[in-house]
């Protein structure tokens, strides 16, 4: 069920991010994988300044010159278990081929009912796929929603999909 929701979310984000022009752009590569976010201090019901570290693994890529990659992202934001928000995020992806891609995109995090959907749309600013657009969606499910009321949520993980369009 979660995988079906992820596919639907990715399709909606990709459609909004990449409207079909008279001559549609080609998909360069699509990857699925996993992201883990760590919050310090942990997320609670109260909004506070929080350091957010994300470790991203693109474990299966299709349609392009790469088959896997990794990235790490660090940012600071006002966050809580209930606060949805947006920011601009830059990350460098290191591909299995040794090439890198630097991406910059607008990220929106929507938090509802113990689930966070993080959608990012932007451009590859340097490296492999430079100039291409991308859309990435990550679905984080909090395994213990009651933690928001007590010790806080320190870590969440979930599946992701990223598509590069050129």
C-alpha atoms as a PDB file:
ATOM      1  CA  UNK A   1       0.000   0.000   0.000  1.00  0.00           C
ATOM      2  CA  UNK A   2       2.818   2.419   0.896  1.00  0.00           C
ATOM      3  CA  UNK A   3       4.539   1.679  -2.428  1.00  0.00           C
ATOM      4  CA  UNK A   4       1.273   2.399  -4.293  1.00  0.00           C
ATOM      5  CA  UNK A   5       0.929   5.742  -2.439  1.00  0.00           C
ATOM      6  CA  UNK A   6       4.530   6.590  -3.315  1.00  0.00           C
ATOM      7  CA  UNK A   7       3.939   5.849  -7.017  1.00  0.00           C
ATOM      8  CA  UNK A   8       0.801   8.003  -7.021  1.00  0.00           C
ATOM      9  CA  UNK A   9       2.588  10.841  -5.177  1.00  0.00           C
ATOM     10  CA  UNK A  10       5.516  10.710  -7.599  1.00  0.00           C
ATOM     11  CA  UNK A  11       3.180  10.747 -10.604  1.00  0.00           C
ATOM     12  CA  UNK A  12       1.356  13.800  -9.234  1.00  0.00           C
ATOM     13  CA  UNK A  13       4.591  15.651  -8.429  1.00  0.00           C
ATOM     14  CA  UNK A  14       6.130  14.777 -11.798  1.00  0.00           C
ATOM     15  CA  UNK A  15       3.005  15.952 -13.639  1.00  0.00           C
ATOM     16  CA  UNK A  16       2.979  19.257 -11.753  1.00  0.00           C
ATOM     17  CA  UNK A  17       6.743  19.739 -12.088  1.00  0.00           C
ATOM     18  CA  UNK A  18       7.004  18.794 -15.739  1.00  0.00           C
ATOM     19  CA  UNK A  19       3.945  19.897 -17.706  1.00  0.00           C
ATOM     20  CA  UNK A  20       3.958  18.363 -21.163  1.00  0.00           C
ATOM     21  CA  UNK A  21       5.106  20.951 -23.732  1.00  0.00           C
ATOM     22  CA  UNK A  22       4.509  20.704 -27.474  1.00  0.00           C
ATOM     23  CA  UNK A  23       7.648  18.534 -27.662  1.00  0.00           C
ATOM     24  CA  UNK A  24       7.994  16.525 -24.450  1.00  0.00           C
ATOM     25  CA  UNK A  25      11.422  16.318 -22.805  1.00  0.00           C
ATOM     26  CA  UNK A  26      12.985  12.900 -22.426  1.00  0.00           C
ATOM     27  CA  UNK A  27      13.357  11.135 -19.093  1.00  0.00           C
ATOM     28  CA  UNK A  28      17.100  10.804 -18.543  1.00  0.00           C
ATOM     29  CA  UNK A  29      16.989   8.459 -15.556  1.00  0.00           C
ATOM     30  CA  UNK A  30      14.613   7.401 -12.775  1.00  0.00           C
ATOM     31  CA  UNK A  31      15.861   6.032  -9.463  1.00  0.00           C
ATOM     32  CA  UNK A  32      14.182   4.512  -6.436  1.00  0.00           C
ATOM     33  CA  UNK A  33      15.792   4.170  -3.056  1.00  0.00           C
ATOM     34  CA  UNK A  34      15.627   5.066   0.606  1.00  0.00           C
ATOM     35  CA  UNK A  35      16.152   8.162   2.727  1.00  0.00           C
ATOM     36  CA  UNK A  36      16.737   8.410   6.463  1.00  0.00           C
ATOM     37  CA  UNK A  37      16.320  11.736   8.258  1.00  0.00           C
ATOM     38  CA  UNK A  38      17.694  12.440  11.721  1.00  0.00           C
ATOM     39  CA  UNK A  39      16.387  15.350  13.805  1.00  0.00           C
ATOM     40  CA  UNK A  40      18.390  17.041  16.586  1.00  0.00           C
ATOM     41  CA  UNK A  41      16.665  17.827  18.826  1.00  0.00           C
ATOM     42  CA  UNK A  42      13.950  15.253  18.075  1.00  0.00           C
ATOM     43  CA  UNK A  43      10.633  16.498  16.672  1.00  0.00           C
ATOM     44  CA  UNK A  44       7.895  17.074  19.227  1.00  0.00           C
ATOM     45  CA  UNK A  45       4.560  18.881  19.135  1.00  0.00           C
ATOM     46  CA  UNK A  46       6.353  22.202  19.776  1.00  0.00           C
ATOM     47  CA  UNK A  47       8.025  24.046  16.915  1.00  0.00           C
ATOM     48  CA  UNK A  48      11.747  24.506  17.489  1.00  0.00           C
ATOM     49  CA  UNK A  49      14.964  25.041  15.567  1.00  0.00           C
ATOM     50  CA  UNK A  50      16.068  21.583  14.464  1.00  0.00           C
ATOM     51  CA  UNK A  51      19.136  20.260  12.651  1.00  0.00           C
ATOM     52  CA  UNK A  52      18.007  17.862   9.927  1.00  0.00           C
ATOM     53  CA  UNK A  53      20.473  15.387   8.412  1.00  0.00           C
ATOM     54  CA  UNK A  54      19.369  13.166   5.537  1.00  0.00           C
ATOM     55  CA  UNK A  55      21.232  10.162   4.176  1.00  0.00           C
ATOM     56  CA  UNK A  56      19.947   9.205   0.735  1.00  0.00           C
ATOM     57  CA  UNK A  57      20.572   5.993  -1.180  1.00  0.00           C
ATOM     58  CA  UNK A  58      19.510   5.696  -4.812  1.00  0.00           C
ATOM     59  CA  UNK A  59      19.668   1.908  -5.041  1.00  0.00           C
ATOM     60  CA  UNK A  60      18.077   1.191  -8.405  1.00  0.00           C
ATOM     61  CA  UNK A  61      18.312   3.554 -11.385  1.00  0.00           C
ATOM     62  CA  UNK A  62      16.909   2.864 -14.839  1.00  0.00           C
ATOM     63  CA  UNK A  63      17.176   4.520 -18.214  1.00  0.00           C
ATOM     64  CA  UNK A  64      20.530   6.256 -17.913  1.00  0.00           C
ATOM     65  CA  UNK A  65      24.282   5.968 -17.560  1.00  0.00           C
ATOM     66  CA  UNK A  66      24.162   5.265 -13.799  1.00  0.00           C
ATOM     67  CA  UNK A  67      22.578   2.502 -11.722  1.00  0.00           C
ATOM     68  CA  UNK A  68      22.984   3.762  -8.128  1.00  0.00           C
ATOM     69  CA  UNK A  69      24.091   6.725  -6.038  1.00  0.00           C
ATOM     70  CA  UNK A  70      24.237   8.341  -2.606  1.00  0.00           C
ATOM     71  CA  UNK A  71      23.809  11.817  -1.139  1.00  0.00           C
ATOM     72  CA  UNK A  72      23.874  13.508   2.246  1.00  0.00           C
ATOM     73  CA  UNK A  73      21.979  16.699   3.040  1.00  0.00           C
ATOM     74  CA  UNK A  74      22.227  18.848   6.162  1.00  0.00           C
ATOM     75  CA  UNK A  75      19.965  21.786   6.943  1.00  0.00           C
ATOM     76  CA  UNK A  76      18.455  23.656   9.883  1.00  0.00           C
ATOM     77  CA  UNK A  77      14.753  24.513  10.006  1.00  0.00           C
ATOM     78  CA  UNK A  78      11.874  25.374  12.271  1.00  0.00           C
ATOM     79  CA  UNK A  79      10.202  21.977  12.661  1.00  0.00           C
ATOM     80  CA  UNK A  80       7.739  19.947  14.704  1.00  0.00           C
ATOM     81  CA  UNK A  81       5.636  16.821  14.267  1.00  0.00           C
ATOM     82  CA  UNK A  82       2.820  18.965  12.870  1.00  0.00           C
ATOM     83  CA  UNK A  83       4.576  21.796  11.039  1.00  0.00           C
ATOM     84  CA  UNK A  84       4.610  21.584   7.263  1.00  0.00           C
ATOM     85  CA  UNK A  85       7.119  23.825   5.549  1.00  0.00           C
ATOM     86  CA  UNK A  86       9.238  24.617   2.557  1.00  0.00           C
ATOM     87  CA  UNK A  87      12.842  25.476   1.838  1.00  0.00           C
ATOM     88  CA  UNK A  88      15.475  25.396  -0.865  1.00  0.00           C
ATOM     89  CA  UNK A  89      17.835  22.434  -0.656  1.00  0.00           C
ATOM     90  CA  UNK A  90      21.111  21.741  -2.467  1.00  0.00           C
ATOM     91  CA  UNK A  91      22.591  18.261  -2.530  1.00  0.00           C
ATOM     92  CA  UNK A  92      25.460  16.537  -4.281  1.00  0.00           C
ATOM     93  CA  UNK A  93      24.739  13.043  -5.537  1.00  0.00           C
ATOM     94  CA  UNK A  94      27.705  10.718  -6.011  1.00  0.00           C
ATOM     95  CA  UNK A  95      26.894   8.121  -8.653  1.00  0.00           C
ATOM     96  CA  UNK A  96      28.236   4.569  -8.899  1.00  0.00           C
ATOM     97  CA  UNK A  97      30.197   5.645 -11.996  1.00  0.00           C
ATOM     98  CA  UNK A  98      32.177   8.178  -9.936  1.00  0.00           C
ATOM     99  CA  UNK A  99      30.357  11.134 -11.533  1.00  0.00           C
ATOM    100  CA  UNK A 100      28.502  13.668  -9.382  1.00  0.00           C
ATOM    101  CA  UNK A 101      25.368  15.775  -9.834  1.00  0.00           C
ATOM    102  CA  UNK A 102      24.648  18.918  -7.835  1.00  0.00           C
ATOM    103  CA  UNK A 103      20.921  19.593  -7.515  1.00  0.00           C
ATOM    104  CA  UNK A 104      19.100  22.636  -6.168  1.00  0.00           C
ATOM    105  CA  UNK A 105      15.371  22.506  -5.623  1.00  0.00           C
ATOM    106  CA  UNK A 106      12.379  23.830  -3.768  1.00  0.00           C
ATOM    107  CA  UNK A 107      11.312  21.354  -1.111  1.00  0.00           C
ATOM    108  CA  UNK A 108       7.907  21.119   0.522  1.00  0.00           C
ATOM    109  CA  UNK A 109       7.368  18.895   3.564  1.00  0.00           C
ATOM    110  CA  UNK A 110       3.759  18.031   4.358  1.00  0.00           C
ATOM    111  CA  UNK A 111       3.150  16.363   7.721  1.00  0.00           C
ATOM    112  CA  UNK A 112      -0.179  14.668   8.445  1.00  0.00           C
ATOM    113  CA  UNK A 113      -1.238  11.751  10.613  1.00  0.00           C
ATOM    114  CA  UNK A 114       2.278  10.558  11.446  1.00  0.00           C
ATOM    115  CA  UNK A 115       3.418  10.638   7.819  1.00  0.00           C
ATOM    116  CA  UNK A 116       5.678  13.169   6.103  1.00  0.00           C
ATOM    117  CA  UNK A 117       5.792  13.581   2.336  1.00  0.00           C
ATOM    118  CA  UNK A 118       8.794  15.559   1.110  1.00  0.00           C
ATOM    119  CA  UNK A 119       8.532  16.725  -2.503  1.00  0.00           C
ATOM    120  CA  UNK A 120      11.442  18.499  -4.197  1.00  0.00           C
ATOM    121  CA  UNK A 121      11.502  20.019  -7.679  1.00  0.00           C
ATOM    122  CA  UNK A 122      14.447  21.783  -9.222  1.00  0.00           C
ATOM    123  CA  UNK A 123      17.417  21.746 -11.554  1.00  0.00           C
ATOM    124  CA  UNK A 124      20.737  19.961 -11.813  1.00  0.00           C
ATOM    125  CA  UNK A 125      23.174  22.862 -11.501  1.00  0.00           C
ATOM    126  CA  UNK A 126      26.461  21.015 -12.120  1.00  0.00           C
ATOM    127  CA  UNK A 127      27.894  17.659 -13.124  1.00  0.00           C
ATOM    128  CA  UNK A 128      26.097  14.738 -14.719  1.00  0.00           C
ATOM    129  CA  UNK A 129      22.675  15.804 -16.091  1.00  0.00           C
ATOM    130  CA  UNK A 130      23.573  19.538 -15.730  1.00  0.00           C
ATOM    131  CA  UNK A 131      20.648  21.652 -16.927  1.00  0.00           C
ATOM    132  CA  UNK A 132      18.106  18.865 -16.478  1.00  0.00           C
ATOM    133  CA  UNK A 133      15.076  19.266 -14.237  1.00  0.00           C
ATOM    134  CA  UNK A 134      14.292  16.769 -11.484  1.00  0.00           C
ATOM    135  CA  UNK A 135      11.455  15.796  -9.158  1.00  0.00           C
ATOM    136  CA  UNK A 136      11.995  13.755  -6.003  1.00  0.00           C
ATOM    137  CA  UNK A 137       9.417  12.434  -3.552  1.00  0.00           C
ATOM    138  CA  UNK A 138      10.135  10.774  -0.212  1.00  0.00           C
ATOM    139  CA  UNK A 139       7.463   9.272   2.056  1.00  0.00           C
ATOM    140  CA  UNK A 140       8.448   9.023   5.727  1.00  0.00           C
ATOM    141  CA  UNK A 141       6.156   7.074   8.032  1.00  0.00           C
ATOM    142  CA  UNK A 142       6.691   7.654  11.722  1.00  0.00           C
ATOM    143  CA  UNK A 143       6.624   4.183  13.303  1.00  0.00           C
ATOM    144  CA  UNK A 144       5.580   5.662  16.660  1.00  0.00           C
ATOM    145  CA  UNK A 145       3.325   8.732  16.293  1.00  0.00           C
ATOM    146  CA  UNK A 146       2.920   8.906  20.084  1.00  0.00           C
ATOM    147  CA  UNK A 147       6.623   9.726  20.363  1.00  0.00           C
ATOM    148  CA  UNK A 148       5.696  13.269  19.304  1.00  0.00           C
ATOM    149  CA  UNK A 149       3.966  13.625  22.670  1.00  0.00           C
ATOM    150  CA  UNK A 150       6.796  12.171  24.765  1.00  0.00           C
ATOM    151  CA  UNK A 151      10.475  11.697  23.852  1.00  0.00           C
ATOM    152  CA  UNK A 152      10.187  13.087  20.317  1.00  0.00           C
ATOM    153  CA  UNK A 153      10.879  11.580  16.907  1.00  0.00           C
ATOM    154  CA  UNK A 154      14.617  11.411  16.284  1.00  0.00           C
ATOM    155  CA  UNK A 155      14.765   9.402  13.062  1.00  0.00           C
ATOM    156  CA  UNK A 156      12.448   8.496  10.199  1.00  0.00           C
ATOM    157  CA  UNK A 157      13.068   6.459   7.047  1.00  0.00           C
ATOM    158  CA  UNK A 158      11.144   5.907   3.884  1.00  0.00           C
ATOM    159  CA  UNK A 159      11.157   5.099   0.181  1.00  0.00           C
ATOM    160  CA  UNK A 160      11.972   7.691  -2.456  1.00  0.00           C
ATOM    161  CA  UNK A 161      11.805   8.203  -6.182  1.00  0.00           C
ATOM    162  CA  UNK A 162      13.734  10.750  -8.255  1.00  0.00           C
ATOM    163  CA  UNK A 163      13.293  11.438 -11.963  1.00  0.00           C
ATOM    164  CA  UNK A 164      15.584  13.566 -14.126  1.00  0.00           C
ATOM    165  CA  UNK A 165      14.032  15.164 -17.240  1.00  0.00           C
ATOM    166  CA  UNK A 166      16.195  16.737 -19.934  1.00  0.00           C
END
